[in-house]
Amino acid sequence: MNDNKMTPGELRATWGLGTVFSLRMLGMFMVLPVLTTYGMALQGASEALIGLAIGIYGLAQAVFQIPFGLLSDRIGRKPLIVGGLLIFVLGSVIAALTDSIWGIILGRALQGSGAIAAAVMALLSDLTREQNRTKAMAFIGVSFGVTFAIAMVLGPIVTHQLGLHALFWMIAILATVGILLTLWVVPNSHNHVLNRESGMVKGCFSKVLAEPRLLKLNFGIMCLHIMLMSTFVALPGQLEAAGFPAAEHWKIYGHHGYLVHLGGAVYHLRRSEAQDEARLPALRRHPADCGNCPLGRRRLLLGAGGGRSALLPGV
C-alpha cells in the first residue's frame, strides 16, 4: 500500500473544506470590484466611507483570526467553522437589507468577524496524515487563487444584472451552502493534532510577535493588502473615467487574470526546465531514470533538440 496516496477520508476532507473555503472567499471577493462603483448610490456614501467598507473586512479578520483559532481548540473545529459562517451570513443579510453605507460597513465588519481560516486549516490538519498534509494545504491555496479569478468576473456581472443588494443575498446563500457542507460532507475530527501547521506553543506568543524576520514578513503582507484594497477603491472610478462602463469592468478583470495566470504558468515551466537541465547528463547515462524527470520524459517523446518549443505540446 502506498502511504503517500490520500485515503478516501482525506480526499473528502480536502475537497469538502476546500469547497467551504472557496464559497466563503468567492462571496468576499465578488464585492471588491463593484463596491466603489455601485456603492456610491448608497445613502451617505463617500469615497472615504467606501474605502472603509472595503478595508474593514480585513481589519476584522486580523482581530478575530487568532482568537477564533484558539477557541476552536476548546469547542471543536466544526462548531467554530459553522459559527463563523453564521456570522458571515448575518453580515451579508444586513448588507443586503440596508440602503446606507453605514449598514454596508456594519455588514462587512460582521463578515470579516467570521474568521474561520485558522479553524479550517486546523481541521484539515486533524483529518490528514503528515505525509499528505502539504498536498491538502496546496489544494486550499490553489482553490483560493481560482476563486479570486472567478469572483473578479462574476461580481460585476451579477451586480450589473441584479444589483448590489442581490449580490449580498447571493453571498449569504453561498455561505449557507458552506454551512451545510461543513455539517454533512466534511468528516468529523475525533482528535486534535498538535503540529506545526495548526499548533501554538504557550508562552511563545509574545516572542513570535517580536521576531524581526516575522515583523518584516507581516509588514510586507500588510503593504500588499493595502495596495490590493486601494486598487479596488481607485481603479473602478478610473476605468469609468477612461470610458469603460461598469457593466464592462469584468472584461478588464478577466483579461488581466488570464494574463497573470499565463505568466505564472510560463514562469513555472521555464524554472522547471532550468532545474531539470542539470539532470539531463545523468539521464543520458541512465535512461531508465527518465521517468523521474518530466523534462527528460517530454524530450524522449518530442525530441531532445526541441527546447521550450518541444515542452509546450507536452503540457
C-alpha atoms as a PDB file:
ATOM      1  CA  MET A   1       0.000   0.000   0.000  1.00  0.00           C
ATOM      2  CA  ASN A   2       1.262   3.482  -0.934  1.00  0.00           C
ATOM      3  CA  ASP A   3       1.239   5.550   2.265  1.00  0.00           C
ATOM      4  CA  ASN A   4       1.570   8.759   0.232  1.00  0.00           C
ATOM      5  CA  LYS A   5      -1.744   8.163  -1.527  1.00  0.00           C
ATOM      6  CA  MET A   6      -4.591  10.094   0.022  1.00  0.00           C
ATOM      7  CA  THR A   7      -7.295   7.965   1.602  1.00  0.00           C
ATOM      8  CA  PRO A   8     -10.994   8.469   0.740  1.00  0.00           C
ATOM      9  CA  GLY A   9     -11.440  10.231   4.076  1.00  0.00           C
ATOM     10  CA  GLU A  10      -8.556  12.599   3.361  1.00  0.00           C
ATOM     11  CA  LEU A  11      -9.881  13.346  -0.119  1.00  0.00           C
ATOM     12  CA  ARG A  12     -13.336  14.016   1.289  1.00  0.00           C
ATOM     13  CA  ALA A  13     -11.906  16.344   3.919  1.00  0.00           C
ATOM     14  CA  THR A  14      -9.732  18.172   1.390  1.00  0.00           C
ATOM     15  CA  TRP A  15     -12.465  18.648  -1.188  1.00  0.00           C
ATOM     16  CA  GLY A  16     -15.087  19.479   1.433  1.00  0.00           C
ATOM     17  CA  LEU A  17     -13.045  22.073   3.299  1.00  0.00           C
ATOM     18  CA  GLY A  18     -11.637  23.443   0.044  1.00  0.00           C
ATOM     19  CA  THR A  19     -15.168  23.984  -1.240  1.00  0.00           C
ATOM     20  CA  VAL A  20     -16.311  25.586   2.020  1.00  0.00           C
ATOM     21  CA  PHE A  21     -13.326  27.918   1.997  1.00  0.00           C
ATOM     22  CA  SER A  22     -13.832  28.754  -1.690  1.00  0.00           C
ATOM     23  CA  LEU A  23     -17.529  29.560  -1.279  1.00  0.00           C
ATOM     24  CA  ARG A  24     -16.737  31.976   1.512  1.00  0.00           C
ATOM     25  CA  MET A  25     -13.859  33.571  -0.401  1.00  0.00           C
ATOM     26  CA  LEU A  26     -15.989  33.837  -3.534  1.00  0.00           C
ATOM     27  CA  GLY A  27     -18.522  35.855  -1.586  1.00  0.00           C
ATOM     28  CA  MET A  28     -15.861  38.112  -0.147  1.00  0.00           C
ATOM     29  CA  PHE A  29     -14.018  38.710  -3.429  1.00  0.00           C
ATOM     30  CA  MET A  30     -17.133  39.408  -5.539  1.00  0.00           C
ATOM     31  CA  VAL A  31     -17.737  42.603  -3.567  1.00  0.00           C
ATOM     32  CA  LEU A  32     -14.317  44.127  -4.209  1.00  0.00           C
ATOM     33  CA  PRO A  33     -14.627  45.200  -7.871  1.00  0.00           C
ATOM     34  CA  VAL A  34     -18.187  46.575  -7.534  1.00  0.00           C
ATOM     35  CA  LEU A  35     -18.491  48.313  -4.166  1.00  0.00           C
ATOM     36  CA  THR A  36     -16.808  51.528  -5.292  1.00  0.00           C
ATOM     37  CA  THR A  37     -18.892  51.801  -8.455  1.00  0.00           C
ATOM     38  CA  TYR A  38     -22.321  50.803  -7.161  1.00  0.00           C
ATOM     39  CA  GLY A  39     -21.835  51.768  -3.513  1.00  0.00           C
ATOM     40  CA  MET A  40     -21.726  55.492  -4.270  1.00  0.00           C
ATOM     41  CA  ALA A  41     -25.509  55.357  -4.758  1.00  0.00           C
ATOM     42  CA  LEU A  42     -26.000  54.407  -1.088  1.00  0.00           C
ATOM     43  CA  GLN A  43     -27.161  56.970   1.463  1.00  0.00           C
ATOM     44  CA  GLY A  44     -24.259  58.876   2.996  1.00  0.00           C
ATOM     45  CA  ALA A  45     -21.683  57.286   0.712  1.00  0.00           C
ATOM     46  CA  SER A  46     -18.328  58.936   0.129  1.00  0.00           C
ATOM     47  CA  GLU A  47     -15.018  57.723  -1.226  1.00  0.00           C
ATOM     48  CA  ALA A  48     -13.576  57.550   2.279  1.00  0.00           C
ATOM     49  CA  LEU A  49     -16.503  55.504   3.618  1.00  0.00           C
ATOM     50  CA  ILE A  50     -16.392  53.202   0.586  1.00  0.00           C
ATOM     51  CA  GLY A  51     -12.733  52.609   1.363  1.00  0.00           C
ATOM     52  CA  LEU A  52     -13.650  51.889   4.984  1.00  0.00           C
ATOM     53  CA  ALA A  53     -16.326  49.423   3.848  1.00  0.00           C
ATOM     54  CA  ILE A  54     -13.799  47.597   1.685  1.00  0.00           C
ATOM     55  CA  GLY A  55     -10.987  47.563   4.246  1.00  0.00           C
ATOM     56  CA  ILE A  56     -12.915  46.847   7.444  1.00  0.00           C
ATOM     57  CA  TYR A  57     -13.348  43.225   6.395  1.00  0.00           C
ATOM     58  CA  GLY A  58      -9.597  42.642   6.571  1.00  0.00           C
ATOM     59  CA  LEU A  59      -9.303  44.536   9.856  1.00  0.00           C
ATOM     60  CA  ALA A  60     -11.968  42.339  11.453  1.00  0.00           C
ATOM     61  CA  GLN A  61     -10.199  39.262  10.098  1.00  0.00           C
ATOM     62  CA  ALA A  62      -6.923  40.368  11.667  1.00  0.00           C
ATOM     63  CA  VAL A  63      -8.593  40.941  15.039  1.00  0.00           C
ATOM     64  CA  PHE A  64     -10.539  37.671  15.251  1.00  0.00           C
ATOM     65  CA  GLN A  65      -8.399  35.151  13.340  1.00  0.00           C
ATOM     66  CA  ILE A  66      -6.133  34.081  16.215  1.00  0.00           C
ATOM     67  CA  PRO A  67      -8.829  34.169  18.951  1.00  0.00           C
ATOM     68  CA  PHE A  68     -11.145  32.056  16.802  1.00  0.00           C
ATOM     69  CA  GLY A  69      -8.329  29.625  16.096  1.00  0.00           C
ATOM     70  CA  LEU A  70      -7.676  29.229  19.823  1.00  0.00           C
ATOM     71  CA  LEU A  71     -11.400  28.928  20.512  1.00  0.00           C
ATOM     72  CA  SER A  72     -11.612  26.049  18.048  1.00  0.00           C
ATOM     73  CA  ASP A  73      -9.193  24.136  20.291  1.00  0.00           C
ATOM     74  CA  ARG A  74     -11.748  24.372  23.083  1.00  0.00           C
ATOM     75  CA  ILE A  75     -15.131  23.943  21.415  1.00  0.00           C
ATOM     76  CA  GLY A  76     -14.109  21.962  18.336  1.00  0.00           C
ATOM     77  CA  ARG A  77     -13.253  22.866  14.754  1.00  0.00           C
ATOM     78  CA  LYS A  78     -16.605  22.275  13.068  1.00  0.00           C
ATOM     79  CA  PRO A  79     -18.704  24.219  15.621  1.00  0.00           C
ATOM     80  CA  LEU A  80     -16.339  27.162  15.219  1.00  0.00           C
ATOM     81  CA  ILE A  81     -16.478  26.976  11.414  1.00  0.00           C
ATOM     82  CA  VAL A  82     -20.276  26.793  11.446  1.00  0.00           C
ATOM     83  CA  GLY A  83     -20.447  29.684  13.925  1.00  0.00           C
ATOM     84  CA  GLY A  84     -18.083  31.793  11.836  1.00  0.00           C
ATOM     85  CA  LEU A  85     -20.109  31.137   8.701  1.00  0.00           C
ATOM     86  CA  LEU A  86     -23.311  32.077  10.545  1.00  0.00           C
ATOM     87  CA  ILE A  87     -21.725  35.412  11.488  1.00  0.00           C
ATOM     88  CA  PHE A  88     -20.712  35.805   7.841  1.00  0.00           C
ATOM     89  CA  VAL A  89     -24.303  35.110   6.743  1.00  0.00           C
ATOM     90  CA  LEU A  90     -25.627  37.641   9.268  1.00  0.00           C
ATOM     91  CA  GLY A  91     -23.290  40.310   7.938  1.00  0.00           C
ATOM     92  CA  SER A  92     -24.304  39.514   4.359  1.00  0.00           C
ATOM     93  CA  VAL A  93     -28.018  39.769   5.202  1.00  0.00           C
ATOM     94  CA  ILE A  94     -27.521  43.123   6.950  1.00  0.00           C
ATOM     95  CA  ALA A  95     -25.638  44.432   3.909  1.00  0.00           C
ATOM     96  CA  ALA A  96     -28.363  43.113   1.596  1.00  0.00           C
ATOM     97  CA  LEU A  97     -31.159  44.833   3.514  1.00  0.00           C
ATOM     98  CA  THR A  98     -29.569  48.246   4.040  1.00  0.00           C
ATOM     99  CA  ASP A  99     -29.662  51.340   1.831  1.00  0.00           C
ATOM    100  CA  SER A 100     -26.996  53.129   3.887  1.00  0.00           C
ATOM    101  CA  ILE A 101     -23.238  52.982   3.569  1.00  0.00           C
ATOM    102  CA  TRP A 102     -23.056  52.519   7.344  1.00  0.00           C
ATOM    103  CA  GLY A 103     -25.156  49.383   7.030  1.00  0.00           C
ATOM    104  CA  ILE A 104     -22.705  48.081   4.437  1.00  0.00           C
ATOM    105  CA  ILE A 105     -19.807  48.883   6.767  1.00  0.00           C
ATOM    106  CA  LEU A 106     -21.508  47.011   9.617  1.00  0.00           C
ATOM    107  CA  GLY A 107     -22.272  44.062   7.366  1.00  0.00           C
ATOM    108  CA  ARG A 108     -18.718  43.914   6.050  1.00  0.00           C
ATOM    109  CA  ALA A 109     -17.339  44.106   9.596  1.00  0.00           C
ATOM    110  CA  LEU A 110     -19.503  41.143  10.613  1.00  0.00           C
ATOM    111  CA  GLN A 111     -18.442  39.241   7.505  1.00  0.00           C
ATOM    112  CA  GLY A 112     -14.809  39.698   8.470  1.00  0.00           C
ATOM    113  CA  SER A 113     -15.527  38.777  12.083  1.00  0.00           C
ATOM    114  CA  GLY A 114     -16.454  35.266  10.980  1.00  0.00           C
ATOM    115  CA  ALA A 115     -12.764  34.425  10.744  1.00  0.00           C
ATOM    116  CA  ILE A 116     -12.639  30.688  10.038  1.00  0.00           C
ATOM    117  CA  ALA A 117      -9.423  30.328   8.027  1.00  0.00           C
ATOM    118  CA  ALA A 118      -7.332  29.178  11.001  1.00  0.00           C
ATOM    119  CA  ALA A 119     -10.011  26.700  12.081  1.00  0.00           C
ATOM    120  CA  VAL A 120     -10.315  25.340   8.528  1.00  0.00           C
ATOM    121  CA  MET A 121      -6.571  24.758   8.317  1.00  0.00           C
ATOM    122  CA  ALA A 122      -6.533  23.202  11.786  1.00  0.00           C
ATOM    123  CA  LEU A 123      -9.382  20.832  10.894  1.00  0.00           C
ATOM    124  CA  LEU A 124      -7.617  19.917   7.671  1.00  0.00           C
ATOM    125  CA  SER A 125      -4.533  19.084   9.726  1.00  0.00           C
ATOM    126  CA  ASP A 126      -6.645  16.947  12.048  1.00  0.00           C
ATOM    127  CA  LEU A 127      -8.110  14.976   9.141  1.00  0.00           C
ATOM    128  CA  THR A 128      -4.945  14.370   7.094  1.00  0.00           C
ATOM    129  CA  ARG A 129      -1.755  12.474   7.764  1.00  0.00           C
ATOM    130  CA  GLU A 130       1.589  14.243   7.927  1.00  0.00           C
ATOM    131  CA  GLN A 131       2.761  12.966   4.533  1.00  0.00           C
ATOM    132  CA  ASN A 132      -0.387  14.218   2.783  1.00  0.00           C
ATOM    133  CA  ARG A 133      -0.926  17.433   4.686  1.00  0.00           C
ATOM    134  CA  THR A 134       1.112  19.577   2.311  1.00  0.00           C
ATOM    135  CA  LYS A 135      -0.917  18.377  -0.670  1.00  0.00           C
ATOM    136  CA  ALA A 136      -4.150  19.173   1.132  1.00  0.00           C
ATOM    137  CA  MET A 137      -2.907  22.646   2.079  1.00  0.00           C
ATOM    138  CA  ALA A 138      -1.783  23.214  -1.523  1.00  0.00           C
ATOM    139  CA  PHE A 139      -5.278  22.373  -2.741  1.00  0.00           C
ATOM    140  CA  ILE A 140      -6.687  25.072  -0.468  1.00  0.00           C
ATOM    141  CA  GLY A 141      -4.157  27.538  -1.861  1.00  0.00           C
ATOM    142  CA  VAL A 142      -4.987  26.696  -5.472  1.00  0.00           C
ATOM    143  CA  SER A 143      -8.711  26.996  -4.807  1.00  0.00           C
ATOM    144  CA  PHE A 144      -8.042  30.418  -3.271  1.00  0.00           C
ATOM    145  CA  GLY A 145      -6.419  31.683  -6.473  1.00  0.00           C
ATOM    146  CA  VAL A 146      -9.051  30.190  -8.767  1.00  0.00           C
ATOM    147  CA  THR A 147     -11.846  31.631  -6.629  1.00  0.00           C
ATOM    148  CA  PHE A 148     -10.327  35.105  -6.821  1.00  0.00           C
ATOM    149  CA  ALA A 149     -10.185  34.944 -10.622  1.00  0.00           C
ATOM    150  CA  ILE A 150     -13.807  33.759 -10.864  1.00  0.00           C
ATOM    151  CA  ALA A 151     -15.030  36.416  -8.432  1.00  0.00           C
ATOM    152  CA  MET A 152     -13.425  39.244 -10.402  1.00  0.00           C
ATOM    153  CA  VAL A 153     -15.571  38.286 -13.395  1.00  0.00           C
ATOM    154  CA  LEU A 154     -18.723  37.092 -11.644  1.00  0.00           C
ATOM    155  CA  GLY A 155     -19.096  40.007  -9.213  1.00  0.00           C
ATOM    156  CA  PRO A 156     -19.508  42.777 -11.817  1.00  0.00           C
ATOM    157  CA  ILE A 157     -21.831  40.620 -13.952  1.00  0.00           C
ATOM    158  CA  VAL A 158     -24.165  39.744 -11.063  1.00  0.00           C
ATOM    159  CA  THR A 159     -24.220  43.296  -9.719  1.00  0.00           C
ATOM    160  CA  HIS A 160     -24.958  44.815 -13.128  1.00  0.00           C
ATOM    161  CA  GLN A 161     -27.793  42.380 -13.801  1.00  0.00           C
ATOM    162  CA  LEU A 162     -29.371  42.166 -10.335  1.00  0.00           C
ATOM    163  CA  GLY A 163     -27.971  44.998  -8.214  1.00  0.00           C
ATOM    164  CA  LEU A 164     -25.737  45.304  -5.158  1.00  0.00           C
ATOM    165  CA  HIS A 165     -28.383  44.049  -2.732  1.00  0.00           C
ATOM    166  CA  ALA A 166     -28.872  40.873  -4.770  1.00  0.00           C
ATOM    167  CA  LEU A 167     -25.111  40.308  -4.711  1.00  0.00           C
ATOM    168  CA  PHE A 168     -25.111  40.261  -0.912  1.00  0.00           C
ATOM    169  CA  TRP A 169     -28.095  37.874  -0.903  1.00  0.00           C
ATOM    170  CA  MET A 170     -26.110  35.605  -3.208  1.00  0.00           C
ATOM    171  CA  ILE A 171     -23.143  35.806  -0.845  1.00  0.00           C
ATOM    172  CA  ALA A 172     -25.394  34.817   2.073  1.00  0.00           C
ATOM    173  CA  ILE A 173     -26.669  31.812   0.106  1.00  0.00           C
ATOM    174  CA  LEU A 174     -23.120  30.697  -0.733  1.00  0.00           C
ATOM    175  CA  ALA A 175     -22.142  30.851   2.944  1.00  0.00           C
ATOM    176  CA  THR A 176     -25.262  28.871   3.871  1.00  0.00           C
ATOM    177  CA  VAL A 177     -24.242  26.171   1.403  1.00  0.00           C
ATOM    178  CA  GLY A 178     -20.843  26.189   3.114  1.00  0.00           C
ATOM    179  CA  ILE A 179     -22.540  25.530   6.458  1.00  0.00           C
ATOM    180  CA  LEU A 180     -24.430  22.550   5.019  1.00  0.00           C
ATOM    181  CA  LEU A 181     -21.229  21.141   3.517  1.00  0.00           C
ATOM    182  CA  THR A 182     -19.440  21.526   6.842  1.00  0.00           C
ATOM    183  CA  LEU A 183     -22.179  19.652   8.680  1.00  0.00           C
ATOM    184  CA  TRP A 184     -22.878  16.865   6.194  1.00  0.00           C
ATOM    185  CA  VAL A 185     -19.825  16.439   3.939  1.00  0.00           C
ATOM    186  CA  VAL A 186     -16.716  17.313   5.955  1.00  0.00           C
ATOM    187  CA  PRO A 187     -15.727  14.372   8.204  1.00  0.00           C
ATOM    188  CA  ASN A 188     -15.757  14.765  11.965  1.00  0.00           C
ATOM    189  CA  SER A 189     -12.426  15.093  13.750  1.00  0.00           C
ATOM    190  CA  HIS A 190     -12.102  12.773  16.728  1.00  0.00           C
ATOM    191  CA  ASN A 191      -8.868  14.281  17.998  1.00  0.00           C
ATOM    192  CA  HIS A 192      -6.905  17.487  17.643  1.00  0.00           C
ATOM    193  CA  VAL A 193      -3.498  17.015  16.058  1.00  0.00           C
ATOM    194  CA  LEU A 194      -0.729  19.144  17.502  1.00  0.00           C
ATOM    195  CA  ASN A 195       1.544  20.051  14.596  1.00  0.00           C
ATOM    196  CA  ARG A 196       3.450  22.988  13.197  1.00  0.00           C
ATOM    197  CA  GLU A 197       0.601  23.924  10.847  1.00  0.00           C
ATOM    198  CA  SER A 198      -2.069  24.442  13.494  1.00  0.00           C
ATOM    199  CA  GLY A 199      -0.434  24.233  16.907  1.00  0.00           C
ATOM    200  CA  MET A 200       0.530  27.025  19.269  1.00  0.00           C
ATOM    201  CA  VAL A 201       3.219  26.845  21.935  1.00  0.00           C
ATOM    202  CA  LYS A 202       2.064  28.561  25.113  1.00  0.00           C
ATOM    203  CA  GLY A 203       4.373  31.284  26.333  1.00  0.00           C
ATOM    204  CA  CYS A 204       5.893  31.923  22.895  1.00  0.00           C
ATOM    205  CA  PHE A 205       3.214  34.225  21.506  1.00  0.00           C
ATOM    206  CA  SER A 206       4.977  37.423  22.575  1.00  0.00           C
ATOM    207  CA  LYS A 207       8.272  36.135  21.162  1.00  0.00           C
ATOM    208  CA  VAL A 208       6.619  35.442  17.834  1.00  0.00           C
ATOM    209  CA  LEU A 209       5.174  38.954  17.707  1.00  0.00           C
ATOM    210  CA  ALA A 210       8.625  40.427  18.376  1.00  0.00           C
ATOM    211  CA  GLU A 211      10.547  38.214  15.921  1.00  0.00           C
ATOM    212  CA  PRO A 212      12.298  40.638  13.487  1.00  0.00           C
ATOM    213  CA  ARG A 213      12.015  38.382  10.439  1.00  0.00           C
ATOM    214  CA  LEU A 214       8.319  37.795  11.041  1.00  0.00           C
ATOM    215  CA  LEU A 215       7.795  41.517  11.567  1.00  0.00           C
ATOM    216  CA  LYS A 216       9.284  42.150   8.129  1.00  0.00           C
ATOM    217  CA  LEU A 217       7.086  39.444   6.642  1.00  0.00           C
ATOM    218  CA  ASN A 218       3.964  40.771   8.352  1.00  0.00           C
ATOM    219  CA  PHE A 219       4.766  44.314   7.263  1.00  0.00           C
ATOM    220  CA  GLY A 220       5.221  43.178   3.678  1.00  0.00           C
ATOM    221  CA  ILE A 221       1.908  41.312   3.705  1.00  0.00           C
ATOM    222  CA  MET A 222       0.194  44.350   5.212  1.00  0.00           C
ATOM    223  CA  CYS A 223       1.559  46.533   2.416  1.00  0.00           C
ATOM    224  CA  LEU A 224       0.358  44.055  -0.211  1.00  0.00           C
ATOM    225  CA  HIS A 225      -3.132  44.032   1.281  1.00  0.00           C
ATOM    226  CA  ILE A 226      -3.208  47.833   1.454  1.00  0.00           C
ATOM    227  CA  MET A 227      -2.205  48.049  -2.199  1.00  0.00           C
ATOM    228  CA  LEU A 228      -4.798  45.458  -3.231  1.00  0.00           C
ATOM    229  CA  MET A 229      -7.660  47.103  -1.358  1.00  0.00           C
ATOM    230  CA  SER A 230      -6.579  50.567  -2.524  1.00  0.00           C
ATOM    231  CA  THR A 231      -6.668  49.312  -6.089  1.00  0.00           C
ATOM    232  CA  PHE A 232     -10.338  48.426  -5.791  1.00  0.00           C
ATOM    233  CA  VAL A 233     -11.071  51.829  -4.261  1.00  0.00           C
ATOM    234  CA  ALA A 234      -9.401  53.771  -7.085  1.00  0.00           C
ATOM    235  CA  LEU A 235      -9.464  51.528 -10.175  1.00  0.00           C
ATOM    236  CA  PRO A 236     -13.242  51.271 -10.862  1.00  0.00           C
ATOM    237  CA  GLY A 237     -13.580  55.052 -10.966  1.00  0.00           C
ATOM    238  CA  GLN A 238     -10.557  55.373 -13.225  1.00  0.00           C
ATOM    239  CA  LEU A 239     -11.978  52.756 -15.589  1.00  0.00           C
ATOM    240  CA  GLU A 240     -15.247  54.680 -15.829  1.00  0.00           C
ATOM    241  CA  ALA A 241     -13.351  57.923 -16.437  1.00  0.00           C
ATOM    242  CA  ALA A 242     -11.457  56.175 -19.244  1.00  0.00           C
ATOM    243  CA  GLY A 243     -14.720  55.265 -20.959  1.00  0.00           C
ATOM    244  CA  PHE A 244     -15.324  51.736 -19.660  1.00  0.00           C
ATOM    245  CA  PRO A 245     -18.884  51.402 -18.280  1.00  0.00           C
ATOM    246  CA  ALA A 246     -19.355  49.475 -15.044  1.00  0.00           C
ATOM    247  CA  ALA A 247     -21.101  46.668 -16.929  1.00  0.00           C
ATOM    248  CA  GLU A 248     -17.882  46.010 -18.879  1.00  0.00           C
ATOM    249  CA  HIS A 249     -15.401  46.027 -15.998  1.00  0.00           C
ATOM    250  CA  TRP A 250     -15.497  42.234 -15.710  1.00  0.00           C
ATOM    251  CA  LYS A 251     -13.781  42.006 -19.100  1.00  0.00           C
ATOM    252  CA  ILE A 252     -10.836  44.043 -17.835  1.00  0.00           C
ATOM    253  CA  TYR A 253     -10.502  41.942 -14.687  1.00  0.00           C
ATOM    254  CA  GLY A 254     -10.959  38.700 -16.635  1.00  0.00           C
ATOM    255  CA  HIS A 255      -8.281  39.509 -19.211  1.00  0.00           C
ATOM    256  CA  HIS A 256      -5.893  40.685 -16.517  1.00  0.00           C
ATOM    257  CA  GLY A 257      -6.434  37.494 -14.508  1.00  0.00           C
ATOM    258  CA  TYR A 258      -5.822  35.372 -17.601  1.00  0.00           C
ATOM    259  CA  LEU A 259      -2.530  37.131 -18.321  1.00  0.00           C
ATOM    260  CA  VAL A 260      -1.389  36.782 -14.701  1.00  0.00           C
ATOM    261  CA  HIS A 261      -2.136  33.044 -14.663  1.00  0.00           C
ATOM    262  CA  LEU A 262      -0.488  32.600 -18.080  1.00  0.00           C
ATOM    263  CA  GLY A 263       2.609  34.430 -16.887  1.00  0.00           C
ATOM    264  CA  GLY A 264       2.768  32.233 -13.799  1.00  0.00           C
ATOM    265  CA  ALA A 265       2.489  29.088 -15.911  1.00  0.00           C
ATOM    266  CA  VAL A 266       5.270  30.219 -18.265  1.00  0.00           C
ATOM    267  CA  TYR A 267       7.496  31.108 -15.298  1.00  0.00           C
ATOM    268  CA  HIS A 268       6.877  27.699 -13.735  1.00  0.00           C
ATOM    269  CA  LEU A 269       7.718  25.910 -16.989  1.00  0.00           C
ATOM    270  CA  ARG A 270      10.916  27.871 -17.504  1.00  0.00           C
ATOM    271  CA  ARG A 271      12.047  27.308 -13.936  1.00  0.00           C
ATOM    272  CA  SER A 272      11.242  23.596 -14.175  1.00  0.00           C
ATOM    273  CA  GLU A 273      13.246  23.346 -17.377  1.00  0.00           C
ATOM    274  CA  ALA A 274      16.211  25.124 -15.787  1.00  0.00           C
ATOM    275  CA  GLN A 275      16.123  22.782 -12.798  1.00  0.00           C
ATOM    276  CA  ASP A 276      15.823  19.673 -14.944  1.00  0.00           C
ATOM    277  CA  GLU A 277      18.523  20.704 -17.445  1.00  0.00           C
ATOM    278  CA  ALA A 278      21.139  19.774 -14.862  1.00  0.00           C
ATOM    279  CA  ARG A 279      19.730  16.252 -14.705  1.00  0.00           C
ATOM    280  CA  LEU A 280      19.901  15.549 -18.438  1.00  0.00           C
ATOM    281  CA  PRO A 281      23.551  14.362 -18.460  1.00  0.00           C
ATOM    282  CA  ALA A 282      22.698  11.822 -15.773  1.00  0.00           C
ATOM    283  CA  LEU A 283      19.590  10.785 -17.693  1.00  0.00           C
ATOM    284  CA  ARG A 284      21.660  10.155 -20.792  1.00  0.00           C
ATOM    285  CA  ARG A 285      23.918   7.897 -18.745  1.00  0.00           C
ATOM    286  CA  HIS A 286      20.933   6.206 -17.029  1.00  0.00           C
ATOM    287  CA  PRO A 287      17.907   6.354 -19.382  1.00  0.00           C
ATOM    288  CA  ALA A 288      15.871   4.141 -17.051  1.00  0.00           C
ATOM    289  CA  ASP A 289      15.609   7.069 -14.615  1.00  0.00           C
ATOM    290  CA  CYS A 290      13.964   9.274 -17.221  1.00  0.00           C
ATOM    291  CA  GLY A 291      10.511   8.687 -15.770  1.00  0.00           C
ATOM    292  CA  ASN A 292      11.525  10.654 -12.686  1.00  0.00           C
ATOM    293  CA  CYS A 293      12.257  13.784 -14.715  1.00  0.00           C
ATOM    294  CA  PRO A 294       9.354  15.490 -16.501  1.00  0.00           C
ATOM    295  CA  LEU A 295      11.678  17.323 -18.882  1.00  0.00           C
ATOM    296  CA  GLY A 296      13.537  14.168 -19.770  1.00  0.00           C
ATOM    297  CA  ARG A 297      10.287  12.296 -20.333  1.00  0.00           C
ATOM    298  CA  ARG A 298       8.986  15.001 -22.653  1.00  0.00           C
ATOM    299  CA  ARG A 299      12.226  15.196 -24.587  1.00  0.00           C
ATOM    300  CA  LEU A 300      12.288  11.479 -25.195  1.00  0.00           C
ATOM    301  CA  LEU A 301       8.821  11.822 -26.712  1.00  0.00           C
ATOM    302  CA  LEU A 302       9.239  15.123 -28.540  1.00  0.00           C
ATOM    303  CA  GLY A 303      12.932  15.203 -29.395  1.00  0.00           C
ATOM    304  CA  ALA A 304      15.892  16.443 -27.373  1.00  0.00           C
ATOM    305  CA  GLY A 305      16.515  19.397 -29.670  1.00  0.00           C
ATOM    306  CA  GLY A 306      13.106  20.977 -29.217  1.00  0.00           C
ATOM    307  CA  GLY A 307      13.862  23.196 -26.208  1.00  0.00           C
ATOM    308  CA  ARG A 308      10.890  25.139 -24.925  1.00  0.00           C
ATOM    309  CA  SER A 309       9.042  24.697 -28.208  1.00  0.00           C
ATOM    310  CA  ALA A 310       9.053  20.969 -27.515  1.00  0.00           C
ATOM    311  CA  LEU A 311       7.955  21.477 -23.935  1.00  0.00           C
ATOM    312  CA  LEU A 312       4.687  23.219 -24.689  1.00  0.00           C
ATOM    313  CA  PRO A 313       2.914  20.394 -26.558  1.00  0.00           C
ATOM    314  CA  GLY A 314       3.502  18.114 -23.609  1.00  0.00           C
ATOM    315  CA  VAL A 315       1.989  20.435 -21.020  1.00  0.00           C
END
